[in-house]
Amino acid sequence: YNAVLVGKYGVGKTSIFRRLMYDKYTEEGETITTSGNSGLEKYIYTTCVGDDATPVELTLWDTGGQECHDSMTCNYYRWCNAVILVYDTSDLISLTSLHDWGKAAQTYSNLKENVVISLWGNKADVAMNCDSAQKWDTVLQTLMSEFNIPPSLHFIVSAKSGANVRTAFDSLVRDVHSRRSSLVGPEAEENGLRTVSGTQAIGNGNDQCSC
């Protein structure tokens, strides 16, 4: 399976990614030498799901801020089973801006409206801004309703302390695996689930994006 982190610049997507990958905190923009290409990084996360503890792998992609380049981003949406919408819990604008990211995910993913969308509020270690709780709740409920995000896929996390990050990701993996398991054979192919050596394949160099 594949998932990608998206959201407004500065919300902590790369910090979340590196918390998962290295179990350490890095500031946005801080460089860590990787083998990635053009700022892209990937991390293959493995966890066990179900009563039989089935091992499941999900490759998480961090675009390194390049999601502002639409032609690159939609190519990564194309083969994603899940999209993680990230906002800053101290910045209401970062939450309202996620509408566009969610629509792009449903537009360019081969799964369309069936792509799994998870919502993560980062910077739980920072005090929320002075906007009213009612305003935050209204925006949250509207966003979750529009993209069919269940409460079980909305998390408040902290890349800085590590709080809830792995819990959130484990929940996402379980949900993706559960939905994928319900689709088999031709139906899975019709829903954009292409398997290569047991692992979902991000679009290859021949994929062209219309955005």
N, C-alpha and C. Protein backbone atom coordinates (compact mmCIF):
# COMPACT_ATOMS: atom_id res chain seq x y z
N TYR A 1 0.82 -1.19 0.00
CA TYR A 1 0.00 0.00 0.00
C TYR A 1 0.87 1.26 0.00
N ASN A 2 0.28 2.35 -0.43
CA ASN A 2 0.99 3.63 -0.46
C ASN A 2 0.15 4.73 0.18
N ALA A 3 0.83 5.65 0.85
CA ALA A 3 0.16 6.81 1.43
C ALA A 3 1.07 8.02 1.25
N VAL A 4 0.46 9.20 1.18
CA VAL A 4 1.24 10.42 1.01
C VAL A 4 0.75 11.47 2.01
N LEU A 5 1.69 12.25 2.55
CA LEU A 5 1.38 13.35 3.47
C LEU A 5 1.21 14.63 2.66
N VAL A 6 0.11 15.36 2.86
CA VAL A 6 -0.10 16.63 2.16
C VAL A 6 -0.66 17.67 3.13
N GLY A 7 -0.52 18.92 2.75
CA GLY A 7 -1.03 20.01 3.56
C GLY A 7 -0.19 21.26 3.36
N LYS A 8 -0.60 22.32 3.99
CA LYS A 8 0.06 23.61 3.88
C LYS A 8 1.51 23.53 4.33
N TYR A 9 2.37 24.32 3.70
CA TYR A 9 3.78 24.35 4.08
C TYR A 9 3.91 24.78 5.55
N GLY A 10 4.76 24.07 6.29
CA GLY A 10 5.05 24.45 7.66
C GLY A 10 4.20 23.76 8.72
N VAL A 11 3.26 22.89 8.29
CA VAL A 11 2.42 22.23 9.29
C VAL A 11 3.14 21.06 9.98
N GLY A 12 4.27 20.64 9.42
CA GLY A 12 5.05 19.58 10.06
C GLY A 12 4.99 18.23 9.39
N LYS A 13 4.69 18.20 8.10
CA LYS A 13 4.60 16.93 7.38
C LYS A 13 5.93 16.17 7.42
N THR A 14 7.01 16.87 7.10
CA THR A 14 8.32 16.22 7.09
C THR A 14 8.74 15.81 8.50
N SER A 15 8.38 16.62 9.49
CA SER A 15 8.71 16.27 10.87
C SER A 15 7.97 15.01 11.31
N ILE A 16 6.71 14.86 10.88
CA ILE A 16 5.96 13.64 11.17
C ILE A 16 6.61 12.46 10.48
N PHE A 17 6.94 12.64 9.21
CA PHE A 17 7.57 11.58 8.43
C PHE A 17 8.86 11.10 9.11
N ARG A 18 9.69 12.05 9.53
CA ARG A 18 10.98 11.68 10.12
C ARG A 18 10.83 11.13 11.54
N ARG A 19 9.75 11.53 12.23
CA ARG A 19 9.47 10.92 13.53
C ARG A 19 9.18 9.44 13.35
N LEU A 20 8.42 9.10 12.31
CA LEU A 20 8.14 7.70 12.01
C LEU A 20 9.40 6.96 11.56
N MET A 21 10.15 7.59 10.68
CA MET A 21 11.28 6.92 10.05
C MET A 21 12.49 6.78 10.98
N TYR A 22 12.82 7.85 11.69
CA TYR A 22 14.03 7.86 12.51
C TYR A 22 13.75 7.87 14.01
N ASP A 23 12.47 8.01 14.39
CA ASP A 23 12.08 8.16 15.79
C ASP A 23 12.84 9.32 16.43
N LYS A 24 12.91 10.43 15.70
CA LYS A 24 13.54 11.63 16.23
C LYS A 24 12.82 12.83 15.64
N TYR A 25 13.01 13.98 16.30
CA TYR A 25 12.35 15.19 15.83
C TYR A 25 13.31 16.06 15.05
N THR A 26 12.85 16.53 13.90
CA THR A 26 13.62 17.50 13.12
C THR A 26 12.69 18.64 12.74
N GLU A 27 13.22 19.85 12.75
CA GLU A 27 12.43 21.01 12.35
C GLU A 27 12.16 20.95 10.86
N GLU A 28 11.05 21.57 10.45
CA GLU A 28 10.77 21.70 9.02
C GLU A 28 11.93 22.44 8.35
N GLY A 29 12.43 21.89 7.26
CA GLY A 29 13.52 22.52 6.54
C GLY A 29 14.88 22.01 6.96
N GLU A 30 14.97 21.31 8.09
CA GLU A 30 16.25 20.77 8.53
C GLU A 30 16.62 19.60 7.64
N THR A 31 17.85 19.58 7.18
CA THR A 31 18.28 18.58 6.21
C THR A 31 18.81 17.33 6.88
N ILE A 32 18.34 16.18 6.38
CA ILE A 32 18.90 14.88 6.75
C ILE A 32 19.29 14.21 5.45
N THR A 33 20.51 13.73 5.36
CA THR A 33 20.98 13.10 4.13
C THR A 33 20.21 11.81 3.89
N THR A 34 19.58 11.70 2.72
CA THR A 34 18.83 10.51 2.36
C THR A 34 19.19 10.12 0.94
N SER A 35 18.66 8.97 0.54
CA SER A 35 18.90 8.50 -0.83
C SER A 35 17.75 8.89 -1.74
N GLY A 36 16.87 9.75 -1.26
CA GLY A 36 15.70 10.13 -2.04
C GLY A 36 16.06 10.99 -3.23
N ASN A 37 15.09 11.16 -4.12
CA ASN A 37 15.29 11.96 -5.33
C ASN A 37 14.52 13.26 -5.24
N SER A 38 15.19 14.36 -5.55
CA SER A 38 14.53 15.66 -5.68
C SER A 38 13.69 16.02 -4.46
N GLY A 39 14.20 15.68 -3.27
CA GLY A 39 13.49 16.04 -2.06
C GLY A 39 12.44 15.03 -1.63
N LEU A 40 12.17 14.03 -2.45
CA LEU A 40 11.20 13.00 -2.09
C LEU A 40 11.84 11.98 -1.16
N GLU A 41 11.07 11.57 -0.16
CA GLU A 41 11.53 10.51 0.73
C GLU A 41 10.43 9.49 0.87
N LYS A 42 10.82 8.24 1.07
CA LYS A 42 9.81 7.21 1.33
C LYS A 42 10.26 6.36 2.50
N TYR A 43 9.27 5.85 3.22
CA TYR A 43 9.53 5.01 4.38
C TYR A 43 8.55 3.86 4.34
N ILE A 44 9.06 2.64 4.38
CA ILE A 44 8.21 1.45 4.38
C ILE A 44 7.93 1.07 5.83
N TYR A 45 6.70 1.27 6.23
CA TYR A 45 6.26 1.02 7.60
C TYR A 45 5.57 -0.32 7.67
N THR A 46 5.95 -1.16 8.63
CA THR A 46 5.36 -2.48 8.79
C THR A 46 4.70 -2.60 10.15
N THR A 47 3.48 -3.10 10.15
CA THR A 47 2.77 -3.35 11.40
C THR A 47 1.94 -4.61 11.23
N CYS A 48 1.41 -5.12 12.32
CA CYS A 48 0.60 -6.34 12.26
C CYS A 48 -0.85 -5.98 12.52
N VAL A 49 -1.74 -6.59 11.75
CA VAL A 49 -3.17 -6.29 11.88
C VAL A 49 -3.96 -7.58 12.03
N GLY A 50 -5.13 -7.46 12.63
CA GLY A 50 -6.04 -8.59 12.76
C GLY A 50 -5.67 -9.54 13.89
N ASP A 51 -6.60 -10.46 14.15
CA ASP A 51 -6.39 -11.44 15.21
C ASP A 51 -5.23 -12.37 14.91
N ASP A 52 -4.94 -12.55 13.61
CA ASP A 52 -3.85 -13.44 13.23
C ASP A 52 -2.53 -12.69 13.07
N ALA A 53 -2.52 -11.40 13.45
CA ALA A 53 -1.30 -10.57 13.40
C ALA A 53 -0.64 -10.62 12.03
N THR A 54 -1.43 -10.40 10.99
CA THR A 54 -0.90 -10.38 9.63
C THR A 54 0.03 -9.17 9.44
N PRO A 55 1.27 -9.40 8.99
CA PRO A 55 2.16 -8.27 8.75
C PRO A 55 1.74 -7.51 7.50
N VAL A 56 1.64 -6.19 7.61
CA VAL A 56 1.21 -5.35 6.49
C VAL A 56 2.21 -4.21 6.31
N GLU A 57 2.59 -3.97 5.07
CA GLU A 57 3.51 -2.87 4.76
C GLU A 57 2.77 -1.73 4.09
N LEU A 58 3.10 -0.52 4.48
CA LEU A 58 2.58 0.66 3.82
C LEU A 58 3.74 1.62 3.58
N THR A 59 3.92 2.02 2.33
CA THR A 59 4.99 2.95 1.99
C THR A 59 4.47 4.37 2.10
N LEU A 60 5.10 5.13 2.99
CA LEU A 60 4.72 6.53 3.21
C LEU A 60 5.65 7.43 2.42
N TRP A 61 5.06 8.34 1.65
CA TRP A 61 5.83 9.27 0.82
C TRP A 61 5.74 10.67 1.39
N ASP A 62 6.88 11.32 1.51
CA ASP A 62 6.93 12.73 1.90
C ASP A 62 7.45 13.51 0.70
N THR A 63 6.70 14.51 0.27
CA THR A 63 7.05 15.24 -0.94
C THR A 63 8.07 16.35 -0.70
N GLY A 64 8.48 16.53 0.54
CA GLY A 64 9.51 17.52 0.84
C GLY A 64 9.13 18.93 0.43
N GLY A 65 7.84 19.26 0.51
CA GLY A 65 7.38 20.59 0.15
C GLY A 65 7.08 20.77 -1.32
N GLN A 66 7.35 19.73 -2.13
CA GLN A 66 7.15 19.87 -3.57
C GLN A 66 5.71 19.66 -4.00
N GLU A 67 4.81 19.45 -3.02
CA GLU A 67 3.41 19.28 -3.40
C GLU A 67 2.83 20.54 -4.02
N CYS A 68 3.59 21.64 -3.95
CA CYS A 68 3.12 22.86 -4.63
C CYS A 68 3.21 22.69 -6.14
N HIS A 69 3.97 21.69 -6.61
CA HIS A 69 4.06 21.41 -8.04
C HIS A 69 2.99 20.38 -8.39
N ASP A 70 1.88 20.84 -8.94
CA ASP A 70 0.74 19.97 -9.15
C ASP A 70 1.04 18.73 -9.97
N SER A 71 1.88 18.87 -11.00
CA SER A 71 2.14 17.73 -11.87
C SER A 71 2.81 16.60 -11.12
N MET A 72 3.62 16.94 -10.10
CA MET A 72 4.27 15.91 -9.31
C MET A 72 3.30 15.29 -8.32
N THR A 73 2.55 16.14 -7.65
CA THR A 73 1.67 15.66 -6.59
C THR A 73 0.60 14.72 -7.11
N CYS A 74 -0.07 15.07 -8.21
CA CYS A 74 -1.16 14.22 -8.68
C CYS A 74 -0.64 12.88 -9.16
N ASN A 75 0.63 12.82 -9.61
CA ASN A 75 1.20 11.55 -10.00
C ASN A 75 1.35 10.64 -8.79
N TYR A 76 1.60 11.22 -7.61
CA TYR A 76 1.72 10.41 -6.40
C TYR A 76 0.36 10.07 -5.82
N TYR A 77 -0.63 10.93 -6.05
CA TYR A 77 -1.99 10.58 -5.65
C TYR A 77 -2.48 9.35 -6.41
N ARG A 78 -2.06 9.26 -7.66
CA ARG A 78 -2.63 8.28 -8.59
C ARG A 78 -2.67 6.87 -8.02
N TRP A 79 -1.56 6.43 -7.41
CA TRP A 79 -1.49 5.05 -6.93
C TRP A 79 -1.55 4.96 -5.41
N CYS A 80 -2.00 6.02 -4.77
CA CYS A 80 -2.09 5.99 -3.31
C CYS A 80 -3.39 5.34 -2.84
N ASN A 81 -3.25 4.52 -1.83
CA ASN A 81 -4.42 3.95 -1.17
C ASN A 81 -4.94 4.90 -0.10
N ALA A 82 -4.05 5.77 0.40
CA ALA A 82 -4.43 6.68 1.48
C ALA A 82 -3.72 8.01 1.35
N VAL A 83 -4.39 9.06 1.82
CA VAL A 83 -3.82 10.40 1.85
C VAL A 83 -3.99 10.93 3.28
N ILE A 84 -2.89 11.44 3.85
CA ILE A 84 -2.94 12.01 5.19
C ILE A 84 -2.96 13.53 5.06
N LEU A 85 -4.08 14.13 5.43
CA LEU A 85 -4.21 15.59 5.42
C LEU A 85 -3.68 16.11 6.76
N VAL A 86 -2.67 16.97 6.71
CA VAL A 86 -2.04 17.46 7.94
C VAL A 86 -2.30 18.95 8.12
N TYR A 87 -2.72 19.32 9.33
CA TYR A 87 -2.88 20.72 9.66
C TYR A 87 -2.15 21.04 10.95
N ASP A 88 -1.95 22.32 11.19
CA ASP A 88 -1.29 22.82 12.39
C ASP A 88 -2.37 23.21 13.39
N THR A 89 -2.35 22.61 14.58
CA THR A 89 -3.40 22.87 15.55
C THR A 89 -3.40 24.30 16.08
N SER A 90 -2.38 25.07 15.71
CA SER A 90 -2.35 26.48 16.13
C SER A 90 -2.66 27.43 14.98
N ASP A 91 -3.08 26.85 13.82
CA ASP A 91 -3.30 27.66 12.62
C ASP A 91 -4.58 27.20 11.92
N LEU A 92 -5.67 27.92 12.14
CA LEU A 92 -6.96 27.54 11.56
C LEU A 92 -6.93 27.56 10.04
N ILE A 93 -6.16 28.47 9.45
CA ILE A 93 -6.08 28.54 7.99
C ILE A 93 -5.52 27.25 7.40
N SER A 94 -4.58 26.64 8.13
CA SER A 94 -4.00 25.39 7.63
C SER A 94 -5.03 24.28 7.59
N LEU A 95 -6.05 24.39 8.43
CA LEU A 95 -7.14 23.41 8.43
C LEU A 95 -8.11 23.69 7.29
N THR A 96 -8.51 24.94 7.13
CA THR A 96 -9.47 25.28 6.07
C THR A 96 -8.89 25.02 4.68
N SER A 97 -7.57 25.12 4.54
CA SER A 97 -6.93 24.91 3.24
C SER A 97 -6.96 23.45 2.80
N LEU A 98 -7.26 22.54 3.72
CA LEU A 98 -7.21 21.12 3.39
C LEU A 98 -8.33 20.69 2.45
N HIS A 99 -9.33 21.53 2.29
CA HIS A 99 -10.40 21.21 1.34
C HIS A 99 -9.81 20.94 -0.06
N ASP A 100 -8.90 21.80 -0.49
CA ASP A 100 -8.31 21.66 -1.83
C ASP A 100 -7.49 20.38 -1.94
N TRP A 101 -6.76 20.05 -0.86
CA TRP A 101 -5.94 18.84 -0.90
C TRP A 101 -6.84 17.60 -0.97
N GLY A 102 -7.93 17.61 -0.22
CA GLY A 102 -8.84 16.47 -0.23
C GLY A 102 -9.49 16.28 -1.59
N LYS A 103 -9.91 17.38 -2.21
CA LYS A 103 -10.51 17.29 -3.54
C LYS A 103 -9.51 16.78 -4.57
N ALA A 104 -8.26 17.23 -4.46
CA ALA A 104 -7.22 16.77 -5.39
C ALA A 104 -7.00 15.27 -5.23
N ALA A 105 -7.00 14.79 -3.98
CA ALA A 105 -6.80 13.36 -3.73
C ALA A 105 -7.91 12.54 -4.40
N GLN A 106 -9.14 12.97 -4.25
CA GLN A 106 -10.25 12.23 -4.85
C GLN A 106 -10.29 12.37 -6.36
N THR A 107 -9.75 13.45 -6.88
CA THR A 107 -9.74 13.68 -8.32
C THR A 107 -8.67 12.83 -9.01
N TYR A 108 -7.47 12.79 -8.44
CA TYR A 108 -6.34 12.17 -9.13
C TYR A 108 -6.03 10.75 -8.69
N SER A 109 -6.54 10.31 -7.54
CA SER A 109 -6.33 8.93 -7.14
C SER A 109 -7.16 8.01 -8.01
N ASN A 110 -6.61 6.88 -8.39
CA ASN A 110 -7.37 5.89 -9.14
C ASN A 110 -8.55 5.35 -8.33
N LEU A 111 -8.49 5.53 -7.02
CA LEU A 111 -9.57 5.07 -6.16
C LEU A 111 -10.71 6.09 -6.07
N LYS A 112 -10.45 7.31 -6.58
CA LYS A 112 -11.44 8.39 -6.54
C LYS A 112 -11.96 8.57 -5.10
N GLU A 113 -13.30 8.55 -4.91
CA GLU A 113 -13.88 8.78 -3.58
C GLU A 113 -13.57 7.66 -2.60
N ASN A 114 -13.03 6.54 -3.09
CA ASN A 114 -12.74 5.41 -2.21
C ASN A 114 -11.33 5.46 -1.61
N VAL A 115 -10.55 6.46 -1.98
CA VAL A 115 -9.24 6.59 -1.35
C VAL A 115 -9.45 6.90 0.13
N VAL A 116 -8.64 6.29 0.98
CA VAL A 116 -8.77 6.51 2.43
C VAL A 116 -8.13 7.85 2.78
N ILE A 117 -8.89 8.71 3.43
CA ILE A 117 -8.37 10.02 3.84
C ILE A 117 -8.35 10.09 5.36
N SER A 118 -7.16 10.38 5.90
CA SER A 118 -6.99 10.52 7.34
C SER A 118 -6.63 11.97 7.64
N LEU A 119 -7.05 12.46 8.79
CA LEU A 119 -6.84 13.86 9.16
C LEU A 119 -6.01 13.94 10.44
N TRP A 120 -4.84 14.58 10.33
CA TRP A 120 -3.94 14.67 11.48
C TRP A 120 -3.69 16.13 11.83
N GLY A 121 -3.96 16.49 13.08
CA GLY A 121 -3.61 17.81 13.58
C GLY A 121 -2.27 17.72 14.29
N ASN A 122 -1.26 18.35 13.73
CA ASN A 122 0.09 18.28 14.32
C ASN A 122 0.34 19.47 15.24
N LYS A 123 1.37 19.35 16.06
CA LYS A 123 1.81 20.36 17.03
C LYS A 123 0.90 20.39 18.26
N ALA A 124 0.55 19.19 18.73
CA ALA A 124 -0.24 19.07 19.95
C ALA A 124 0.51 19.67 21.14
N ASP A 125 1.82 19.82 20.99
CA ASP A 125 2.64 20.38 22.07
C ASP A 125 2.56 21.91 22.11
N VAL A 126 1.91 22.52 21.12
CA VAL A 126 1.79 23.97 21.04
C VAL A 126 0.36 24.38 21.39
N ALA A 127 0.21 25.44 22.15
CA ALA A 127 -1.12 25.91 22.54
C ALA A 127 -1.90 26.32 21.30
N MET A 128 -3.20 26.00 21.27
CA MET A 128 -4.05 26.38 20.15
C MET A 128 -4.20 27.89 20.13
N ASN A 129 -4.50 28.43 18.94
CA ASN A 129 -4.63 29.88 18.83
C ASN A 129 -5.93 30.37 19.47
N CYS A 130 -6.17 31.66 19.40
CA CYS A 130 -7.29 32.25 20.12
C CYS A 130 -8.63 32.11 19.40
N ASP A 131 -8.62 31.50 18.21
CA ASP A 131 -9.90 31.30 17.52
C ASP A 131 -10.80 30.44 18.39
N SER A 132 -12.08 30.71 18.35
CA SER A 132 -13.01 29.99 19.21
C SER A 132 -13.04 28.50 18.91
N ALA A 133 -13.26 27.73 19.95
CA ALA A 133 -13.35 26.28 19.80
C ALA A 133 -14.50 25.92 18.87
N GLN A 134 -15.56 26.71 18.90
CA GLN A 134 -16.72 26.45 18.04
C GLN A 134 -16.35 26.59 16.57
N LYS A 135 -15.53 27.58 16.25
CA LYS A 135 -15.11 27.77 14.86
C LYS A 135 -14.28 26.59 14.39
N TRP A 136 -13.34 26.15 15.24
CA TRP A 136 -12.52 24.99 14.90
C TRP A 136 -13.40 23.76 14.68
N ASP A 137 -14.35 23.56 15.59
CA ASP A 137 -15.20 22.38 15.51
C ASP A 137 -16.04 22.40 14.24
N THR A 138 -16.53 23.58 13.87
CA THR A 138 -17.35 23.69 12.66
C THR A 138 -16.55 23.32 11.41
N VAL A 139 -15.33 23.84 11.32
CA VAL A 139 -14.48 23.54 10.16
C VAL A 139 -14.13 22.06 10.13
N LEU A 140 -13.79 21.51 11.29
CA LEU A 140 -13.44 20.09 11.37
C LEU A 140 -14.61 19.21 10.92
N GLN A 141 -15.78 19.47 11.45
CA GLN A 141 -16.94 18.64 11.13
C GLN A 141 -17.29 18.74 9.65
N THR A 142 -17.16 19.92 9.08
CA THR A 142 -17.45 20.11 7.66
C THR A 142 -16.48 19.31 6.80
N LEU A 143 -15.20 19.40 7.14
CA LEU A 143 -14.17 18.71 6.39
C LEU A 143 -14.34 17.19 6.49
N MET A 144 -14.56 16.71 7.70
CA MET A 144 -14.70 15.26 7.91
C MET A 144 -15.94 14.72 7.22
N SER A 145 -17.00 15.50 7.19
CA SER A 145 -18.22 15.07 6.51
C SER A 145 -18.02 15.04 5.00
N GLU A 146 -17.37 16.06 4.47
CA GLU A 146 -17.18 16.15 3.02
C GLU A 146 -16.36 14.99 2.48
N PHE A 147 -15.33 14.58 3.25
CA PHE A 147 -14.43 13.53 2.75
C PHE A 147 -14.61 12.20 3.46
N ASN A 148 -15.75 12.05 4.15
CA ASN A 148 -16.08 10.79 4.81
C ASN A 148 -14.95 10.29 5.72
N ILE A 149 -14.43 11.21 6.52
CA ILE A 149 -13.36 10.85 7.45
C ILE A 149 -14.01 10.49 8.79
N PRO A 150 -13.91 9.22 9.20
CA PRO A 150 -14.52 8.83 10.48
C PRO A 150 -13.69 9.36 11.65
N PRO A 151 -14.29 9.51 12.82
CA PRO A 151 -13.53 9.97 13.99
C PRO A 151 -12.30 9.10 14.27
N SER A 152 -12.37 7.82 13.88
CA SER A 152 -11.25 6.91 14.13
C SER A 152 -10.03 7.23 13.27
N LEU A 153 -10.19 8.12 12.27
CA LEU A 153 -9.06 8.50 11.42
C LEU A 153 -8.71 9.98 11.57
N HIS A 154 -9.19 10.61 12.66
CA HIS A 154 -8.77 11.97 12.98
C HIS A 154 -7.94 11.92 14.25
N PHE A 155 -6.70 12.41 14.16
CA PHE A 155 -5.80 12.34 15.30
C PHE A 155 -5.14 13.68 15.57
N ILE A 156 -4.88 13.95 16.82
CA ILE A 156 -4.05 15.07 17.24
C ILE A 156 -2.70 14.48 17.63
N VAL A 157 -1.66 14.88 16.92
CA VAL A 157 -0.34 14.28 17.12
C VAL A 157 0.70 15.36 17.40
N SER A 158 1.86 14.92 17.81
CA SER A 158 2.99 15.83 18.00
C SER A 158 4.24 15.18 17.43
N ALA A 159 4.72 15.72 16.32
CA ALA A 159 5.97 15.22 15.75
C ALA A 159 7.13 15.49 16.71
N LYS A 160 7.00 16.56 17.48
CA LYS A 160 8.09 16.95 18.39
C LYS A 160 8.26 15.94 19.53
N SER A 161 7.16 15.57 20.17
CA SER A 161 7.25 14.62 21.28
C SER A 161 7.03 13.18 20.85
N GLY A 162 6.45 13.01 19.66
CA GLY A 162 6.13 11.67 19.17
C GLY A 162 4.75 11.20 19.58
N ALA A 163 4.04 12.02 20.38
CA ALA A 163 2.73 11.62 20.89
C ALA A 163 1.75 11.29 19.77
N ASN A 164 1.20 10.09 19.83
CA ASN A 164 0.10 9.64 18.97
C ASN A 164 0.49 9.38 17.52
N VAL A 165 1.74 9.61 17.14
CA VAL A 165 2.11 9.47 15.74
C VAL A 165 1.99 8.02 15.27
N ARG A 166 2.58 7.10 16.01
CA ARG A 166 2.50 5.69 15.60
C ARG A 166 1.09 5.13 15.78
N THR A 167 0.39 5.57 16.79
CA THR A 167 -0.99 5.15 16.98
C THR A 167 -1.84 5.54 15.77
N ALA A 168 -1.66 6.78 15.31
CA ALA A 168 -2.39 7.27 14.15
C ALA A 168 -2.06 6.46 12.91
N PHE A 169 -0.78 6.17 12.73
CA PHE A 169 -0.38 5.46 11.51
C PHE A 169 -0.84 4.01 11.54
N ASP A 170 -0.76 3.37 12.71
CA ASP A 170 -1.25 1.99 12.83
C ASP A 170 -2.74 1.93 12.49
N SER A 171 -3.50 2.91 12.95
CA SER A 171 -4.94 2.94 12.67
C SER A 171 -5.19 3.10 11.18
N LEU A 172 -4.39 3.94 10.54
CA LEU A 172 -4.53 4.14 9.10
C LEU A 172 -4.22 2.86 8.34
N VAL A 173 -3.15 2.18 8.71
CA VAL A 173 -2.78 0.93 8.04
C VAL A 173 -3.90 -0.10 8.18
N ARG A 174 -4.45 -0.22 9.38
CA ARG A 174 -5.54 -1.19 9.59
C ARG A 174 -6.74 -0.87 8.71
N ASP A 175 -7.07 0.40 8.60
CA ASP A 175 -8.23 0.81 7.79
C ASP A 175 -7.99 0.52 6.32
N VAL A 176 -6.81 0.89 5.83
CA VAL A 176 -6.47 0.64 4.42
C VAL A 176 -6.51 -0.85 4.12
N HIS A 177 -5.93 -1.65 5.00
CA HIS A 177 -5.88 -3.10 4.78
C HIS A 177 -7.29 -3.69 4.80
N SER A 178 -8.11 -3.20 5.71
CA SER A 178 -9.48 -3.70 5.80
C SER A 178 -10.26 -3.40 4.53
N ARG A 179 -10.12 -2.19 4.03
CA ARG A 179 -10.85 -1.82 2.81
C ARG A 179 -10.31 -2.58 1.61
N ARG A 180 -8.98 -2.74 1.53
CA ARG A 180 -8.37 -3.46 0.41
C ARG A 180 -8.78 -4.92 0.41
N SER A 181 -8.88 -5.50 1.62
CA SER A 181 -9.23 -6.92 1.72
C SER A 181 -10.64 -7.20 1.23
N SER A 182 -11.47 -6.17 1.22
CA SER A 182 -12.85 -6.34 0.76
C SER A 182 -12.95 -6.31 -0.76
N LEU A 183 -11.84 -5.94 -1.44
CA LEU A 183 -11.81 -5.91 -2.90
C LEU A 183 -10.84 -6.96 -3.40
N VAL A 184 -11.28 -7.83 -4.26
CA VAL A 184 -10.42 -8.89 -4.78
C VAL A 184 -10.58 -8.99 -6.28
N GLY A 185 -9.55 -9.56 -6.93
CA GLY A 185 -9.61 -9.84 -8.35
C GLY A 185 -9.86 -8.62 -9.21
N PRO A 186 -10.70 -8.76 -10.24
CA PRO A 186 -10.96 -7.66 -11.18
C PRO A 186 -11.48 -6.41 -10.51
N GLU A 187 -12.26 -6.58 -9.43
CA GLU A 187 -12.81 -5.42 -8.75
C GLU A 187 -11.70 -4.56 -8.18
N ALA A 188 -10.66 -5.20 -7.66
CA ALA A 188 -9.54 -4.45 -7.13
C ALA A 188 -8.83 -3.68 -8.23
N GLU A 189 -8.67 -4.32 -9.40
CA GLU A 189 -8.03 -3.64 -10.52
C GLU A 189 -8.85 -2.44 -10.97
N GLU A 190 -10.19 -2.60 -11.00
CA GLU A 190 -11.05 -1.51 -11.41
C GLU A 190 -10.98 -0.33 -10.46
N ASN A 191 -10.63 -0.61 -9.20
CA ASN A 191 -10.53 0.44 -8.21
C ASN A 191 -9.12 0.97 -8.06
N GLY A 192 -8.28 0.70 -9.08
CA GLY A 192 -6.96 1.31 -9.11
C GLY A 192 -5.94 0.67 -8.21
N LEU A 193 -6.14 -0.58 -7.82
CA LEU A 193 -5.21 -1.24 -6.92
C LEU A 193 -4.33 -2.19 -7.71
N ARG A 194 -3.16 -1.72 -8.09
CA ARG A 194 -2.25 -2.50 -8.90
C ARG A 194 -1.16 -3.03 -8.00
N THR A 195 -0.95 -4.33 -8.01
CA THR A 195 0.02 -4.94 -7.12
C THR A 195 1.25 -5.41 -7.90
N VAL A 196 2.42 -5.12 -7.38
CA VAL A 196 3.67 -5.57 -7.98
C VAL A 196 4.51 -6.20 -6.88
N SER A 197 4.78 -7.50 -7.01
CA SER A 197 5.56 -8.23 -6.01
C SER A 197 5.01 -8.02 -4.60
N GLY A 198 3.69 -8.01 -4.51
CA GLY A 198 3.05 -7.90 -3.21
C GLY A 198 2.98 -6.50 -2.65
N THR A 199 3.49 -5.52 -3.38
CA THR A 199 3.50 -4.16 -2.88
C THR A 199 2.85 -3.23 -3.88
N GLN A 200 2.00 -2.33 -3.42
CA GLN A 200 1.38 -1.39 -4.33
C GLN A 200 2.43 -0.53 -5.01
N ALA A 201 2.23 -0.25 -6.28
CA ALA A 201 3.22 0.50 -7.06
C ALA A 201 2.78 1.93 -7.28
N ILE A 202 3.64 2.87 -6.87
CA ILE A 202 3.41 4.27 -7.22
C ILE A 202 3.60 4.37 -8.73
N GLY A 203 2.88 5.25 -9.37
CA GLY A 203 2.92 5.39 -10.83
C GLY A 203 4.32 5.46 -11.39
N ASN A 204 4.53 4.84 -12.55
CA ASN A 204 5.86 4.83 -13.13
C ASN A 204 6.08 6.07 -14.00
N GLY A 205 7.25 6.13 -14.57
CA GLY A 205 7.63 7.31 -15.33
C GLY A 205 6.78 7.57 -16.55
N ASN A 206 5.99 6.55 -16.97
CA ASN A 206 5.16 6.74 -18.16
C ASN A 206 3.81 7.35 -17.83
N ASP A 207 3.50 7.44 -16.53
CA ASP A 207 2.23 8.05 -16.16
C ASP A 207 2.27 9.53 -16.43
N GLN A 208 1.25 10.01 -17.10
CA GLN A 208 1.17 11.43 -17.39
C GLN A 208 0.01 12.04 -16.61
N CYS A 209 0.21 13.21 -16.10
CA CYS A 209 -0.81 13.87 -15.29
C CYS A 209 -1.38 15.04 -16.05
N SER A 210 -2.68 15.20 -15.96
CA SER A 210 -3.33 16.26 -16.73
C SER A 210 -3.38 17.58 -15.98
N CYS A 211 -2.94 17.57 -14.69
CA CYS A 211 -3.08 18.83 -13.93
C CYS A 211 -1.92 19.77 -14.19
